Amino acid sequence: MTYPTYLAALENGQIDELIMKLDHQVENCQLCPRKCMVNRKRKVGVCGQRNNARIAASVLHFGEEPPLVGKGGAGAVFFSGCSMKCVYCQNFGFSQLNNGKELNDIELGELFLKIQEQGGETLDLVTPTPHLPSIIRALKYAAERGFKLPLIYNTSGYEKVEILKMLEGIVDVYLADIRYTSDSIGMKYSKIPDYWTVTKRAIKEMYRQVGPFRYIDGVKRGLIVRHLVLPENLSGTEEMFEFLTFEVSLSVPISLMSQYRPVYKAMEYPEIARRISVQEYEKALELMEHYGFDGWMQHFNDDEVYRVKPLRRKI
């Protein structure tokens, strides 16, 4: 198999076929589970986007999980808008308020090439789903001009299985959140009624496509699950580990995150209007080790230089 896999998809015509399918999707938008049915060539969808990609920033990001960063950094492209409406979103300026700049397909493709030229180790697409048609057209443009970085699909986990299936053979790494293990909690804090129901199916599909994260012929490939520990165990950490253990695989690495801050509208909800405690994070770490998962933990203190380090070290 050719890696990154989208290079083979370019050669065999899969990308051209995918572009046609996605273009049809955006005319009656059903790219995400919200299925707003808006013709985004004429007006904005529930995600706040039209037909062209809108980005807030692009950086060589050294704060992602270590294998995605390498020596050169992850080439992170932060897209505007989101199908979720998390009241505590740290990126609310562009995810909720839609700050950013529209790029046409060629401009986005040139940005991908620039990330490669500047030494990025991966192409890290942050909240990509509303922008999929533009992303795939830009990927084709860039790949035809020598682009070959592994493609990371950095997602909330709230994805349609039907869309994920279209991406088989395109995505190298799924970097997927599991935010909650309760639909009612997801409704309260992210304003969507079926987060856990949808995300469970999505995680299984991602794993089916790429398996657990590992290196194949020196190329990064597979699924990494991120889990943000919330106050009062609202993220359902043990239930998340049970799901992965019994319905997916113990081989999936976990990035256990301690970075929660009560930003944006979080202060309106007393139960999440604080940082997590050291004890809450330690409990999550104990559960991770109890179930036997490997992965990464975060430094708990802000004065540390690097954000992520291997599991089973003191916080």
C-alpha atoms as a PDB file:
ATOM      1  CA  MET A   1       0.000   0.000   0.000  1.00  0.00           C
ATOM      2  CA  THR A   2       1.123   3.549  -0.739  1.00  0.00           C
ATOM      3  CA  TYR A   3       1.519   5.914   2.213  1.00  0.00           C
ATOM      4  CA  PRO A   4       0.154   8.492   2.724  1.00  0.00           C
ATOM      5  CA  THR A   5      -2.883   6.669   1.355  1.00  0.00           C
ATOM      6  CA  TYR A   6      -4.341   9.703  -0.426  1.00  0.00           C
ATOM      7  CA  LEU A   7      -1.501   9.462  -2.960  1.00  0.00           C
ATOM      8  CA  ALA A   8      -2.939   6.154  -4.171  1.00  0.00           C
ATOM      9  CA  ALA A   9      -6.422   7.690  -4.094  1.00  0.00           C
ATOM     10  CA  LEU A  10      -5.162  10.451  -6.375  1.00  0.00           C
ATOM     11  CA  GLU A  11      -3.745   7.940  -8.849  1.00  0.00           C
ATOM     12  CA  ASN A  12      -6.787   5.671  -8.970  1.00  0.00           C
ATOM     13  CA  GLY A  13      -9.361   8.447  -9.273  1.00  0.00           C
ATOM     14  CA  GLN A  14     -10.854   8.043  -5.793  1.00  0.00           C
ATOM     15  CA  ILE A  15     -10.204  11.705  -4.947  1.00  0.00           C
ATOM     16  CA  ASP A  16     -12.025  12.899  -8.066  1.00  0.00           C
ATOM     17  CA  GLU A  17     -14.981  10.700  -7.190  1.00  0.00           C
ATOM     18  CA  LEU A  18     -14.940  11.962  -3.601  1.00  0.00           C
ATOM     19  CA  ILE A  19     -14.912  15.590  -4.753  1.00  0.00           C
ATOM     20  CA  MET A  20     -18.075  14.963  -6.768  1.00  0.00           C
ATOM     21  CA  LYS A  21     -19.822  13.271  -3.828  1.00  0.00           C
ATOM     22  CA  LEU A  22     -18.919  16.030  -1.395  1.00  0.00           C
ATOM     23  CA  ASP A  23     -19.960  18.747  -3.805  1.00  0.00           C
ATOM     24  CA  HIS A  24     -23.377  17.106  -3.963  1.00  0.00           C
ATOM     25  CA  GLN A  25     -23.507  16.869  -0.162  1.00  0.00           C
ATOM     26  CA  VAL A  26     -22.910  20.583   0.352  1.00  0.00           C
ATOM     27  CA  GLU A  27     -25.839  21.531  -1.902  1.00  0.00           C
ATOM     28  CA  ASN A  28     -28.163  19.981   0.695  1.00  0.00           C
ATOM     29  CA  CYS A  29     -25.703  19.815   3.523  1.00  0.00           C
ATOM     30  CA  GLN A  30     -25.486  16.566   5.416  1.00  0.00           C
ATOM     31  CA  LEU A  31     -21.757  16.550   6.089  1.00  0.00           C
ATOM     32  CA  CYS A  32     -22.179  16.371   9.851  1.00  0.00           C
ATOM     33  CA  PRO A  33     -24.740  14.630  12.086  1.00  0.00           C
ATOM     34  CA  ARG A  34     -26.696  17.879  12.432  1.00  0.00           C
ATOM     35  CA  LYS A  35     -27.887  17.431   8.806  1.00  0.00           C
ATOM     36  CA  CYS A  36     -29.062  21.032   8.455  1.00  0.00           C
ATOM     37  CA  MET A  37     -29.979  20.444   4.751  1.00  0.00           C
ATOM     38  CA  VAL A  38     -28.849  23.963   3.785  1.00  0.00           C
ATOM     39  CA  ASN A  39     -27.558  24.706   0.286  1.00  0.00           C
ATOM     40  CA  ARG A  40     -24.236  26.115   1.421  1.00  0.00           C
ATOM     41  CA  LYS A  41     -23.474  27.462  -2.024  1.00  0.00           C
ATOM     42  CA  ARG A  42     -26.154  30.060  -1.272  1.00  0.00           C
ATOM     43  CA  LYS A  43     -26.166  30.556   2.507  1.00  0.00           C
ATOM     44  CA  VAL A  44     -24.457  29.415   5.689  1.00  0.00           C
ATOM     45  CA  GLY A  45     -25.166  26.110   7.394  1.00  0.00           C
ATOM     46  CA  VAL A  46     -25.578  25.412  11.114  1.00  0.00           C
ATOM     47  CA  CYS A  47     -21.770  25.330  11.326  1.00  0.00           C
ATOM     48  CA  GLY A  48     -21.629  28.938  10.096  1.00  0.00           C
ATOM     49  CA  GLN A  49     -19.872  28.055   6.835  1.00  0.00           C
ATOM     50  CA  ARG A  50     -20.525  28.478   3.138  1.00  0.00           C
ATOM     51  CA  ASN A  51     -18.761  26.697   0.285  1.00  0.00           C
ATOM     52  CA  ASN A  52     -15.185  27.999   0.622  1.00  0.00           C
ATOM     53  CA  ALA A  53     -12.959  26.980   3.520  1.00  0.00           C
ATOM     54  CA  ARG A  54     -12.594  29.498   6.319  1.00  0.00           C
ATOM     55  CA  ILE A  55      -9.502  29.308   8.512  1.00  0.00           C
ATOM     56  CA  ALA A  56      -8.557  31.106  11.697  1.00  0.00           C
ATOM     57  CA  ALA A  57      -4.860  30.220  11.806  1.00  0.00           C
ATOM     58  CA  SER A  58      -2.161  27.897  10.514  1.00  0.00           C
ATOM     59  CA  VAL A  59       0.891  27.132  12.638  1.00  0.00           C
ATOM     60  CA  LEU A  60       3.617  24.593  13.197  1.00  0.00           C
ATOM     61  CA  HIS A  61       2.132  23.259  16.417  1.00  0.00           C
ATOM     62  CA  PHE A  62       4.423  21.670  19.007  1.00  0.00           C
ATOM     63  CA  GLY A  63       1.664  21.043  21.540  1.00  0.00           C
ATOM     64  CA  GLU A  64       0.046  18.027  19.876  1.00  0.00           C
ATOM     65  CA  GLU A  65       0.810  14.432  20.828  1.00  0.00           C
ATOM     66  CA  PRO A  66       4.555  13.708  20.437  1.00  0.00           C
ATOM     67  CA  PRO A  67       4.457  11.317  17.440  1.00  0.00           C
ATOM     68  CA  LEU A  68       2.354  13.811  15.480  1.00  0.00           C
ATOM     69  CA  VAL A  69       4.801  16.624  16.208  1.00  0.00           C
ATOM     70  CA  GLY A  70       8.150  14.932  15.601  1.00  0.00           C
ATOM     71  CA  LYS A  71      10.964  17.439  15.194  1.00  0.00           C
ATOM     72  CA  GLY A  72       9.267  19.838  12.804  1.00  0.00           C
ATOM     73  CA  GLY A  73       5.880  20.279  14.456  1.00  0.00           C
ATOM     74  CA  ALA A  74       2.369  19.381  13.350  1.00  0.00           C
ATOM     75  CA  GLY A  75       1.188  21.633  10.544  1.00  0.00           C
ATOM     76  CA  ALA A  76      -2.064  22.660  12.201  1.00  0.00           C
ATOM     77  CA  VAL A  77      -4.781  24.368  10.178  1.00  0.00           C
ATOM     78  CA  PHE A  78      -7.502  25.698  12.473  1.00  0.00           C
ATOM     79  CA  PHE A  79     -10.789  25.893  10.588  1.00  0.00           C
ATOM     80  CA  SER A  80     -13.591  28.241  11.631  1.00  0.00           C
ATOM     81  CA  GLY A  81     -16.998  27.058  12.763  1.00  0.00           C
ATOM     82  CA  CYS A  82     -18.148  23.810  14.350  1.00  0.00           C
ATOM     83  CA  SER A  83     -21.216  21.599  14.398  1.00  0.00           C
ATOM     84  CA  MET A  84     -20.975  21.479  18.199  1.00  0.00           C
ATOM     85  CA  LYS A  85     -21.641  24.470  20.451  1.00  0.00           C
ATOM     86  CA  CYS A  86     -19.545  23.685  23.520  1.00  0.00           C
ATOM     87  CA  VAL A  87     -20.111  26.246  26.259  1.00  0.00           C
ATOM     88  CA  TYR A  88     -16.492  25.886  27.467  1.00  0.00           C
ATOM     89  CA  CYS A  89     -14.713  25.827  24.087  1.00  0.00           C
ATOM     90  CA  GLN A  90     -11.163  27.150  24.381  1.00  0.00           C
ATOM     91  CA  ASN A  91     -11.220  28.043  20.696  1.00  0.00           C
ATOM     92  CA  PHE A  92     -14.557  29.871  20.874  1.00  0.00           C
ATOM     93  CA  GLY A  93     -13.197  32.854  18.929  1.00  0.00           C
ATOM     94  CA  PHE A  94     -13.216  30.852  15.719  1.00  0.00           C
ATOM     95  CA  SER A  95     -15.289  27.764  16.559  1.00  0.00           C
ATOM     96  CA  GLN A  96     -18.298  29.674  17.915  1.00  0.00           C
ATOM     97  CA  LEU A  97     -17.776  33.299  16.843  1.00  0.00           C
ATOM     98  CA  ASN A  98     -16.550  32.220  13.391  1.00  0.00           C
ATOM     99  CA  ASN A  99     -13.519  34.502  13.231  1.00  0.00           C
ATOM    100  CA  GLY A 100     -11.301  33.688  10.269  1.00  0.00           C
ATOM    101  CA  LYS A 101     -10.579  34.283   6.611  1.00  0.00           C
ATOM    102  CA  GLU A 102     -12.028  32.531   3.579  1.00  0.00           C
ATOM    103  CA  LEU A 103      -9.595  30.813   1.227  1.00  0.00           C
ATOM    104  CA  ASN A 104     -10.314  29.393  -2.196  1.00  0.00           C
ATOM    105  CA  ASP A 105      -9.154  25.878  -3.044  1.00  0.00           C
ATOM    106  CA  ILE A 106      -5.862  26.950  -4.611  1.00  0.00           C
ATOM    107  CA  GLU A 107      -5.001  29.211  -1.664  1.00  0.00           C
ATOM    108  CA  LEU A 108      -5.719  26.367   0.746  1.00  0.00           C
ATOM    109  CA  GLY A 109      -3.647  23.950  -1.326  1.00  0.00           C
ATOM    110  CA  GLU A 110      -0.765  26.422  -1.356  1.00  0.00           C
ATOM    111  CA  LEU A 111      -1.047  26.635   2.423  1.00  0.00           C
ATOM    112  CA  PHE A 112      -0.673  22.848   2.664  1.00  0.00           C
ATOM    113  CA  LEU A 113       2.437  23.041   0.479  1.00  0.00           C
ATOM    114  CA  LYS A 114       3.851  25.848   2.615  1.00  0.00           C
ATOM    115  CA  ILE A 115       3.446  23.741   5.751  1.00  0.00           C
ATOM    116  CA  GLN A 116       5.469  20.974   4.091  1.00  0.00           C
ATOM    117  CA  GLU A 117       8.122  23.411   2.870  1.00  0.00           C
ATOM    118  CA  GLN A 118       8.513  24.813   6.385  1.00  0.00           C
ATOM    119  CA  GLY A 119       9.241  21.385   7.831  1.00  0.00           C
ATOM    120  CA  GLY A 120       5.892  20.296   9.213  1.00  0.00           C
ATOM    121  CA  GLU A 121       5.744  16.583   9.996  1.00  0.00           C
ATOM    122  CA  THR A 122       1.995  16.174   9.499  1.00  0.00           C
ATOM    123  CA  LEU A 123      -1.016  18.066   8.152  1.00  0.00           C
ATOM    124  CA  ASP A 124      -3.226  18.544  11.207  1.00  0.00           C
ATOM    125  CA  LEU A 125      -6.748  19.515  10.096  1.00  0.00           C
ATOM    126  CA  VAL A 126      -8.547  20.907  13.154  1.00  0.00           C
ATOM    127  CA  THR A 127     -12.376  20.691  12.967  1.00  0.00           C
ATOM    128  CA  PRO A 128     -12.308  19.840   9.254  1.00  0.00           C
ATOM    129  CA  THR A 129     -15.759  18.383   8.573  1.00  0.00           C
ATOM    130  CA  PRO A 130     -17.671  21.563   7.610  1.00  0.00           C
ATOM    131  CA  HIS A 131     -14.883  22.320   5.134  1.00  0.00           C
ATOM    132  CA  LEU A 132     -14.437  18.857   3.624  1.00  0.00           C
ATOM    133  CA  PRO A 133     -15.246  19.751  -0.011  1.00  0.00           C
ATOM    134  CA  SER A 134     -12.631  22.513  -0.027  1.00  0.00           C
ATOM    135  CA  ILE A 135     -10.102  20.402   1.863  1.00  0.00           C
ATOM    136  CA  ILE A 136     -10.258  17.517  -0.596  1.00  0.00           C
ATOM    137  CA  ARG A 137     -10.029  19.821  -3.619  1.00  0.00           C
ATOM    138  CA  ALA A 138      -7.048  21.573  -2.017  1.00  0.00           C
ATOM    139  CA  LEU A 139      -5.459  18.229  -1.130  1.00  0.00           C
ATOM    140  CA  LYS A 140      -5.690  17.145  -4.758  1.00  0.00           C
ATOM    141  CA  TYR A 141      -4.102  20.417  -5.900  1.00  0.00           C
ATOM    142  CA  ALA A 142      -1.264  20.072  -3.380  1.00  0.00           C
ATOM    143  CA  ALA A 143      -0.647  16.352  -3.957  1.00  0.00           C
ATOM    144  CA  GLU A 144      -0.309  16.955  -7.681  1.00  0.00           C
ATOM    145  CA  ARG A 145       2.500  19.382  -6.783  1.00  0.00           C
ATOM    146  CA  GLY A 146       4.437  17.092  -4.481  1.00  0.00           C
ATOM    147  CA  PHE A 147       2.595  17.287  -1.173  1.00  0.00           C
ATOM    148  CA  LYS A 148       2.984  14.069   0.849  1.00  0.00           C
ATOM    149  CA  LEU A 149       2.540  14.723   4.563  1.00  0.00           C
ATOM    150  CA  PRO A 150       0.371  12.323   6.603  1.00  0.00           C
ATOM    151  CA  LEU A 151      -3.148  13.700   6.984  1.00  0.00           C
ATOM    152  CA  ILE A 152      -4.549  14.038  10.524  1.00  0.00           C
ATOM    153  CA  TYR A 153      -8.318  14.336  10.922  1.00  0.00           C
ATOM    154  CA  ASN A 154      -8.564  16.240  14.223  1.00  0.00           C
ATOM    155  CA  THR A 155     -12.199  15.914  15.283  1.00  0.00           C
ATOM    156  CA  SER A 156     -14.635  16.217  18.185  1.00  0.00           C
ATOM    157  CA  GLY A 157     -15.655  12.624  17.452  1.00  0.00           C
ATOM    158  CA  TYR A 158     -19.145  13.780  16.477  1.00  0.00           C
ATOM    159  CA  GLU A 159     -19.082  12.532  12.880  1.00  0.00           C
ATOM    160  CA  LYS A 160     -21.417  10.809  10.439  1.00  0.00           C
ATOM    161  CA  VAL A 161     -20.338   7.261   9.661  1.00  0.00           C
ATOM    162  CA  GLU A 162     -21.460   7.716   6.040  1.00  0.00           C
ATOM    163  CA  ILE A 163     -19.040  10.640   5.600  1.00  0.00           C
ATOM    164  CA  LEU A 164     -16.227   8.812   7.388  1.00  0.00           C
ATOM    165  CA  LYS A 165     -16.630   5.896   4.995  1.00  0.00           C
ATOM    166  CA  MET A 166     -16.068   8.295   2.099  1.00  0.00           C
ATOM    167  CA  LEU A 167     -12.727   9.221   3.696  1.00  0.00           C
ATOM    168  CA  GLU A 168     -11.382   5.678   3.784  1.00  0.00           C
ATOM    169  CA  GLY A 169      -8.117   5.706   1.883  1.00  0.00           C
ATOM    170  CA  ILE A 170      -7.725   9.469   2.394  1.00  0.00           C
ATOM    171  CA  VAL A 171      -7.112   9.941   6.133  1.00  0.00           C
ATOM    172  CA  ASP A 172      -3.947   8.557   7.714  1.00  0.00           C
ATOM    173  CA  VAL A 173      -4.564   9.476  11.360  1.00  0.00           C
ATOM    174  CA  TYR A 174      -7.839  10.058  13.166  1.00  0.00           C
ATOM    175  CA  LEU A 175      -7.265  12.219  16.257  1.00  0.00           C
ATOM    176  CA  ALA A 176     -10.696  11.965  17.818  1.00  0.00           C
ATOM    177  CA  ASP A 177     -12.186  13.285  21.043  1.00  0.00           C
ATOM    178  CA  ILE A 178     -14.511  11.391  23.298  1.00  0.00           C
ATOM    179  CA  ARG A 179     -16.040  14.330  25.161  1.00  0.00           C
ATOM    180  CA  TYR A 180     -18.879  12.656  27.071  1.00  0.00           C
ATOM    181  CA  THR A 181     -20.454   9.250  27.535  1.00  0.00           C
ATOM    182  CA  SER A 182     -23.968  10.615  27.975  1.00  0.00           C
ATOM    183  CA  ASP A 183     -26.269  12.141  25.394  1.00  0.00           C
ATOM    184  CA  SER A 184     -27.920  14.331  28.035  1.00  0.00           C
ATOM    185  CA  ILE A 185     -24.560  15.729  29.180  1.00  0.00           C
ATOM    186  CA  GLY A 186     -23.679  16.409  25.549  1.00  0.00           C
ATOM    187  CA  MET A 187     -26.933  18.285  25.124  1.00  0.00           C
ATOM    188  CA  LYS A 188     -26.344  20.414  28.203  1.00  0.00           C
ATOM    189  CA  TYR A 189     -22.779  21.474  27.446  1.00  0.00           C
ATOM    190  CA  SER A 190     -22.494  21.138  23.648  1.00  0.00           C
ATOM    191  CA  LYS A 191     -26.114  21.687  22.543  1.00  0.00           C
ATOM    192  CA  ILE A 192     -26.388  18.466  20.546  1.00  0.00           C
ATOM    193  CA  PRO A 193     -28.872  15.723  21.533  1.00  0.00           C
ATOM    194  CA  ASP A 194     -27.018  12.593  20.475  1.00  0.00           C
ATOM    195  CA  TYR A 195     -23.275  13.087  21.047  1.00  0.00           C
ATOM    196  CA  TRP A 196     -22.495   9.721  22.623  1.00  0.00           C
ATOM    197  CA  THR A 197     -24.832   7.716  20.404  1.00  0.00           C
ATOM    198  CA  VAL A 198     -23.212   9.172  17.281  1.00  0.00           C
ATOM    199  CA  THR A 199     -19.622   9.242  18.537  1.00  0.00           C
ATOM    200  CA  LYS A 200     -19.573   5.565  19.519  1.00  0.00           C
ATOM    201  CA  ARG A 201     -20.423   4.590  15.945  1.00  0.00           C
ATOM    202  CA  ALA A 202     -17.907   7.074  14.548  1.00  0.00           C
ATOM    203  CA  ILE A 203     -15.025   5.807  16.713  1.00  0.00           C
ATOM    204  CA  LYS A 204     -15.720   2.232  15.625  1.00  0.00           C
ATOM    205  CA  GLU A 205     -15.642   3.269  11.972  1.00  0.00           C
ATOM    206  CA  MET A 206     -12.390   5.175  12.391  1.00  0.00           C
ATOM    207  CA  TYR A 207     -10.817   2.141  14.036  1.00  0.00           C
ATOM    208  CA  ARG A 208     -12.103  -0.141  11.280  1.00  0.00           C
ATOM    209  CA  GLN A 209     -10.411   2.019   8.678  1.00  0.00           C
ATOM    210  CA  VAL A 210      -7.002   2.659  10.217  1.00  0.00           C
ATOM    211  CA  GLY A 211      -6.626   0.524  13.346  1.00  0.00           C
ATOM    212  CA  PRO A 212      -4.690   1.779  16.376  1.00  0.00           C
ATOM    213  CA  PHE A 213      -2.026   4.422  15.913  1.00  0.00           C
ATOM    214  CA  ARG A 214       1.379   3.030  14.888  1.00  0.00           C
ATOM    215  CA  TYR A 215       4.063   3.497  12.254  1.00  0.00           C
ATOM    216  CA  ILE A 216       3.774   1.644   8.936  1.00  0.00           C
ATOM    217  CA  ASP A 217       6.887   1.820   6.749  1.00  0.00           C
ATOM    218  CA  GLY A 218       7.894   4.862   8.770  1.00  0.00           C
ATOM    219  CA  VAL A 219       4.571   6.648   8.158  1.00  0.00           C
ATOM    220  CA  LYS A 220       2.160   7.578  10.954  1.00  0.00           C
ATOM    221  CA  ARG A 221      -1.220   5.845  10.712  1.00  0.00           C
ATOM    222  CA  GLY A 222      -4.123   4.922  12.983  1.00  0.00           C
ATOM    223  CA  LEU A 223      -6.557   6.157  15.631  1.00  0.00           C
ATOM    224  CA  ILE A 224      -5.677   8.191  18.734  1.00  0.00           C
ATOM    225  CA  VAL A 225      -8.452   9.020  21.210  1.00  0.00           C
ATOM    226  CA  ARG A 226      -8.345  12.256  23.195  1.00  0.00           C
ATOM    227  CA  HIS A 227     -10.272  12.588  26.429  1.00  0.00           C
ATOM    228  CA  LEU A 228     -10.617  15.918  28.230  1.00  0.00           C
ATOM    229  CA  VAL A 229     -11.178  15.391  31.943  1.00  0.00           C
ATOM    230  CA  LEU A 230     -14.009  17.664  33.119  1.00  0.00           C
ATOM    231  CA  PRO A 231     -14.944  18.652  36.675  1.00  0.00           C
ATOM    232  CA  GLU A 232     -17.306  16.385  38.612  1.00  0.00           C
ATOM    233  CA  ASN A 233     -16.603  13.450  36.242  1.00  0.00           C
ATOM    234  CA  LEU A 234     -18.955  14.969  33.656  1.00  0.00           C
ATOM    235  CA  SER A 235     -16.860  13.504  30.838  1.00  0.00           C
ATOM    236  CA  GLY A 236     -17.637   9.943  31.952  1.00  0.00           C
ATOM    237  CA  THR A 237     -14.042   8.728  31.999  1.00  0.00           C
ATOM    238  CA  GLU A 238     -14.606   5.176  33.237  1.00  0.00           C
ATOM    239  CA  GLU A 239     -17.465   4.612  30.799  1.00  0.00           C
ATOM    240  CA  MET A 240     -15.185   5.807  28.001  1.00  0.00           C
ATOM    241  CA  PHE A 241     -12.527   3.249  28.942  1.00  0.00           C
ATOM    242  CA  GLU A 242     -15.145   0.495  29.195  1.00  0.00           C
ATOM    243  CA  PHE A 243     -16.424   1.317  25.720  1.00  0.00           C
ATOM    244  CA  LEU A 244     -12.953   1.239  24.172  1.00  0.00           C
ATOM    245  CA  THR A 245     -12.017  -1.929  26.046  1.00  0.00           C
ATOM    246  CA  PHE A 246     -15.060  -3.995  25.127  1.00  0.00           C
ATOM    247  CA  GLU A 247     -16.192  -2.462  21.819  1.00  0.00           C
ATOM    248  CA  VAL A 248     -13.033  -1.151  20.138  1.00  0.00           C
ATOM    249  CA  SER A 249      -9.543  -2.206  21.319  1.00  0.00           C
ATOM    250  CA  LEU A 250      -7.081  -1.833  24.180  1.00  0.00           C
ATOM    251  CA  SER A 251      -4.461  -1.092  21.531  1.00  0.00           C
ATOM    252  CA  VAL A 252      -5.825   2.412  20.846  1.00  0.00           C
ATOM    253  CA  PRO A 253      -3.558   4.992  22.532  1.00  0.00           C
ATOM    254  CA  ILE A 254      -5.232   7.565  24.762  1.00  0.00           C
ATOM    255  CA  SER A 255      -4.284  11.198  25.197  1.00  0.00           C
ATOM    256  CA  LEU A 256      -5.620  12.069  28.655  1.00  0.00           C
ATOM    257  CA  MET A 257      -5.994  15.833  28.865  1.00  0.00           C
ATOM    258  CA  SER A 258      -5.898  18.022  31.978  1.00  0.00           C
ATOM    259  CA  GLN A 259      -6.145  21.389  30.204  1.00  0.00           C
ATOM    260  CA  TYR A 260      -9.782  22.216  30.936  1.00  0.00           C
ATOM    261  CA  ARG A 261     -10.366  25.910  31.726  1.00  0.00           C
ATOM    262  CA  PRO A 262     -13.735  27.563  32.471  1.00  0.00           C
ATOM    263  CA  VAL A 263     -13.757  29.887  29.463  1.00  0.00           C
ATOM    264  CA  TYR A 264     -16.430  31.277  27.128  1.00  0.00           C
ATOM    265  CA  LYS A 265     -19.827  30.549  28.764  1.00  0.00           C
ATOM    266  CA  ALA A 266     -18.607  28.006  31.325  1.00  0.00           C
ATOM    267  CA  MET A 267     -19.046  30.405  34.250  1.00  0.00           C
ATOM    268  CA  GLU A 268     -22.803  30.199  33.686  1.00  0.00           C
ATOM    269  CA  TYR A 269     -22.666  26.566  34.862  1.00  0.00           C
ATOM    270  CA  PRO A 270     -21.451  26.334  38.491  1.00  0.00           C
ATOM    271  CA  GLU A 271     -20.400  22.690  38.201  1.00  0.00           C
ATOM    272  CA  ILE A 272     -17.855  23.455  35.447  1.00  0.00           C
ATOM    273  CA  ALA A 273     -16.878  26.972  36.576  1.00  0.00           C
ATOM    274  CA  ARG A 274     -13.492  25.777  37.832  1.00  0.00           C
ATOM    275  CA  ARG A 275     -10.408  23.893  36.733  1.00  0.00           C
ATOM    276  CA  ILE A 276     -10.217  20.202  37.513  1.00  0.00           C
ATOM    277  CA  SER A 277      -8.357  19.236  40.664  1.00  0.00           C
ATOM    278  CA  VAL A 278      -5.170  17.216  40.841  1.00  0.00           C
ATOM    279  CA  GLN A 279      -7.220  14.470  42.494  1.00  0.00           C
ATOM    280  CA  GLU A 280      -9.715  14.368  39.614  1.00  0.00           C
ATOM    281  CA  TYR A 281      -6.921  14.019  37.085  1.00  0.00           C
ATOM    282  CA  GLU A 282      -5.106  11.412  39.159  1.00  0.00           C
ATOM    283  CA  LYS A 283      -8.321   9.378  39.324  1.00  0.00           C
ATOM    284  CA  ALA A 284      -8.558   9.470  35.518  1.00  0.00           C
ATOM    285  CA  LEU A 285      -4.934   8.343  35.272  1.00  0.00           C
ATOM    286  CA  GLU A 286      -5.594   5.483  37.680  1.00  0.00           C
ATOM    287  CA  LEU A 287      -8.522   4.343  35.534  1.00  0.00           C
ATOM    288  CA  MET A 288      -6.392   4.496  32.391  1.00  0.00           C
ATOM    289  CA  GLU A 289      -3.742   2.304  33.972  1.00  0.00           C
ATOM    290  CA  HIS A 290      -6.359  -0.008  35.506  1.00  0.00           C
ATOM    291  CA  TYR A 291      -7.867  -0.739  32.096  1.00  0.00           C
ATOM    292  CA  GLY A 292      -4.401  -1.135  30.573  1.00  0.00           C
ATOM    293  CA  PHE A 293      -4.284   1.650  28.008  1.00  0.00           C
ATOM    294  CA  ASP A 294      -1.100   3.312  26.822  1.00  0.00           C
ATOM    295  CA  GLY A 295      -0.779   6.868  25.586  1.00  0.00           C
ATOM    296  CA  TRP A 296       0.066  10.282  26.926  1.00  0.00           C
ATOM    297  CA  MET A 297      -0.725  12.427  29.916  1.00  0.00           C
ATOM    298  CA  GLN A 298      -0.480  16.188  30.227  1.00  0.00           C
ATOM    299  CA  HIS A 299       1.590  18.212  32.629  1.00  0.00           C
ATOM    300  CA  PHE A 300      -0.744  19.632  35.209  1.00  0.00           C
ATOM    301  CA  ASN A 301       1.201  22.832  35.858  1.00  0.00           C
ATOM    302  CA  ASP A 302       1.404  25.699  33.369  1.00  0.00           C
ATOM    303  CA  ASP A 303       5.092  26.351  34.048  1.00  0.00           C
ATOM    304  CA  GLU A 304       6.236  23.148  32.302  1.00  0.00           C
ATOM    305  CA  VAL A 305       7.865  23.547  28.896  1.00  0.00           C
ATOM    306  CA  TYR A 306       6.157  20.731  26.998  1.00  0.00           C
ATOM    307  CA  ARG A 307       2.467  20.050  27.094  1.00  0.00           C
ATOM    308  CA  VAL A 308       2.432  16.264  26.723  1.00  0.00           C
ATOM    309  CA  LYS A 309       4.615  13.491  28.064  1.00  0.00           C
ATOM    310  CA  PRO A 310       4.381   9.681  28.089  1.00  0.00           C
ATOM    311  CA  LEU A 311       1.988   8.035  30.513  1.00  0.00           C
ATOM    312  CA  ARG A 312       3.075   6.609  33.887  1.00  0.00           C
ATOM    313  CA  ARG A 313       5.162   9.542  35.028  1.00  0.00           C
ATOM    314  CA  LYS A 314       4.346  11.759  37.982  1.00  0.00           C
ATOM    315  CA  ILE A 315       2.173  14.766  37.185  1.00  0.00           C
END
